[in-house]
Amino acid sequence: MEPIKMKQIRVSFNMISVIALLALAVGCATTSSTQNKESMLVASGFKVITPKTAAQQQKLQQLPPGKVAMINRKGRTYYIFPDAAHNQAYVGGPREYQAYQQLRAANNLANENLETAEMYQDAEMQWGAWGGWGMGWGPMGMGLGPRRF
């Protein structure tokens, strides 16, 4: 009877551990994404503004989280990225927003290139399972090599 109880406890502990690690990984991924956006905004020239009044804090809370919002005020256009968790906002004009968009595009392109390189590396690693190209291809076969065709 005792070994069965121990096994149940161990299985329960393992399940709780897996769930906790999964929650931690998801939390870190979300934080990393937000921190990456904030870093790009600062690099693009956005200024960090801390609300000083209750009305400003309320406006900060009303902005869509995780997105840059466009605000027109007194004939000028502002772009605001709220960070309600840290009670601050990143504010820039059209020039800073354009620099942010270019930085995001360059970052996405770099990420796509990295993913493509990893994909090609993975594909290259799998060719051994095919046993090579076989007869007819390569330096001694029909497809490639000197004096073919």
Protein backbone atom coordinates (compact mmCIF):
# COMPACT_ATOMS: atom_id res chain seq x y z
CA MET A 1 0.00 0.00 0.00
CA GLU A 2 2.81 2.39 0.85
CA PRO A 3 4.63 2.20 -2.56
CA ILE A 4 1.40 3.05 -4.44
CA LYS A 5 0.88 6.18 -2.32
CA MET A 6 4.47 7.27 -2.89
CA LYS A 7 4.06 6.77 -6.63
CA GLN A 8 0.87 8.88 -6.64
CA ILE A 9 2.63 11.64 -4.70
CA ARG A 10 5.59 11.55 -7.07
CA VAL A 11 3.34 11.72 -10.16
CA SER A 12 1.36 14.61 -8.64
CA PHE A 13 4.58 16.44 -7.80
CA ASN A 14 5.86 15.94 -11.35
CA MET A 15 2.63 17.29 -12.84
CA ILE A 16 2.71 20.36 -10.59
CA SER A 17 6.36 20.94 -11.53
CA VAL A 18 5.58 20.75 -15.25
CA ILE A 19 2.66 23.18 -14.90
CA ALA A 20 4.79 25.61 -12.87
CA LEU A 21 7.62 25.51 -15.43
CA LEU A 22 5.17 26.05 -18.28
CA ALA A 23 3.63 29.05 -16.51
CA LEU A 24 7.10 30.47 -15.88
CA ALA A 25 8.09 30.04 -19.53
CA VAL A 26 4.93 31.76 -20.78
CA GLY A 27 5.43 34.62 -18.30
CA CYS A 28 9.04 35.11 -19.35
CA ALA A 29 8.14 35.09 -23.04
CA THR A 30 5.53 37.80 -22.51
CA THR A 31 7.90 39.92 -20.42
CA SER A 32 10.69 39.48 -22.97
CA SER A 33 8.43 40.61 -25.82
CA THR A 34 7.33 43.73 -23.92
CA GLN A 35 10.89 44.55 -22.86
CA ASN A 36 12.02 44.16 -26.47
CA LYS A 37 9.35 46.64 -27.63
CA GLU A 38 10.33 49.08 -24.90
CA SER A 39 14.00 48.82 -25.86
CA MET A 40 13.18 49.48 -29.51
CA LEU A 41 10.99 52.46 -28.57
CA VAL A 42 13.78 54.05 -26.53
CA ALA A 43 16.30 53.32 -29.29
CA SER A 44 13.93 55.05 -31.74
CA GLY A 45 13.87 58.24 -29.67
CA PHE A 46 10.68 57.78 -27.64
CA LYS A 47 10.75 59.54 -24.27
CA VAL A 48 9.71 57.85 -21.02
CA ILE A 49 6.98 59.88 -19.32
CA THR A 50 5.60 59.21 -15.83
CA PRO A 51 2.03 60.43 -15.16
CA LYS A 52 1.97 63.03 -12.39
CA THR A 53 -1.76 63.44 -11.80
CA ALA A 54 -4.63 61.05 -11.24
CA ALA A 55 -6.17 62.14 -14.56
CA GLN A 56 -2.95 61.28 -16.40
CA GLN A 57 -2.82 57.87 -14.68
CA GLN A 58 -6.41 57.22 -15.68
CA LYS A 59 -5.63 58.08 -19.33
CA LEU A 60 -2.62 55.74 -19.18
CA GLN A 61 -4.84 52.92 -17.94
CA GLN A 62 -7.32 53.52 -20.79
CA LEU A 63 -4.73 53.03 -23.55
CA PRO A 64 -4.62 49.57 -25.19
CA PRO A 65 -1.87 47.56 -23.45
CA GLY A 66 1.04 46.29 -25.55
CA LYS A 67 0.18 48.51 -28.53
CA VAL A 68 1.32 51.89 -29.77
CA ALA A 69 -1.64 54.30 -29.82
CA MET A 70 -1.83 57.40 -32.02
CA ILE A 71 -3.12 60.52 -30.29
CA ASN A 72 -3.85 63.90 -31.91
CA ARG A 73 -3.57 66.82 -29.51
CA LYS A 74 -3.58 70.52 -30.40
CA GLY A 75 -2.89 69.74 -34.06
CA ARG A 76 0.11 67.51 -33.32
CA THR A 77 0.37 63.74 -33.60
CA TYR A 78 1.84 61.69 -30.76
CA TYR A 79 2.45 57.98 -30.50
CA ILE A 80 2.13 56.46 -27.03
CA PHE A 81 3.04 53.01 -25.76
CA PRO A 82 1.61 52.49 -22.26
CA ASP A 83 3.49 50.59 -19.57
CA ALA A 84 0.87 50.58 -16.83
CA ALA A 85 2.79 47.96 -14.82
CA HIS A 86 5.62 50.46 -14.32
CA ASN A 87 3.31 53.52 -14.28
CA GLN A 88 4.94 55.10 -17.34
CA ALA A 89 4.41 55.65 -21.04
CA TYR A 90 6.74 55.91 -24.02
CA VAL A 91 5.89 59.00 -26.09
CA GLY A 92 7.19 60.00 -29.50
CA GLY A 93 6.24 61.93 -32.59
CA PRO A 94 5.94 60.85 -36.23
CA ARG A 95 9.72 60.83 -36.73
CA GLU A 96 10.29 58.55 -33.71
CA TYR A 97 7.41 56.31 -34.73
CA GLN A 98 8.85 55.93 -38.24
CA ALA A 99 12.25 55.03 -36.74
CA TYR A 100 10.48 52.50 -34.48
CA GLN A 101 8.70 50.92 -37.47
CA GLN A 102 12.00 50.63 -39.35
CA LEU A 103 13.69 49.10 -36.32
CA ARG A 104 10.83 46.61 -35.93
CA ALA A 105 11.06 45.67 -39.62
CA ALA A 106 14.82 45.19 -39.35
CA ASN A 107 14.37 43.14 -36.17
CA ASN A 108 11.69 40.96 -37.81
CA LEU A 109 13.90 40.44 -40.85
CA ALA A 110 16.81 39.46 -38.60
CA ASN A 111 14.56 37.01 -36.73
CA GLU A 112 13.28 35.54 -40.01
CA ASN A 113 16.84 35.15 -41.28
CA LEU A 114 17.81 33.41 -38.05
CA GLU A 115 14.81 31.08 -38.26
CA THR A 116 15.59 30.33 -41.92
CA ALA A 117 19.23 29.60 -41.10
CA GLU A 118 18.14 27.30 -38.28
CA MET A 119 15.66 25.59 -40.61
CA TYR A 120 18.36 25.01 -43.23
CA GLN A 121 20.75 23.76 -40.58
CA ASP A 122 18.11 21.31 -39.32
CA ALA A 123 17.39 20.16 -42.88
CA GLU A 124 21.09 19.68 -43.55
CA MET A 125 21.40 17.54 -40.45
CA GLN A 126 18.70 15.17 -41.70
CA TRP A 127 20.30 14.26 -45.04
CA GLY A 128 22.37 11.47 -43.48
CA ALA A 129 19.18 9.51 -42.93
CA TRP A 130 18.62 9.52 -46.71
CA GLY A 131 21.92 7.84 -47.34
CA GLY A 132 23.23 10.61 -49.57
CA TRP A 133 22.14 11.29 -53.13
CA GLY A 134 22.71 7.78 -54.36
CA MET A 135 23.83 6.80 -57.83
CA GLY A 136 23.40 9.27 -60.64
CA TRP A 137 24.13 12.47 -58.72
CA GLY A 138 27.33 14.07 -57.59
CA PRO A 139 30.84 14.05 -59.11
CA MET A 140 30.53 10.48 -60.33
CA GLY A 141 26.93 10.56 -61.44
CA MET A 142 24.89 12.04 -64.28
CA GLY A 143 23.72 15.29 -62.68
CA LEU A 144 27.01 16.97 -61.85
CA GLY A 145 30.67 16.69 -62.61
CA PRO A 146 33.03 17.14 -65.52
CA ARG A 147 32.09 16.14 -69.04
CA ARG A 148 28.44 15.34 -68.37
CA PHE A 149 25.78 15.99 -71.01
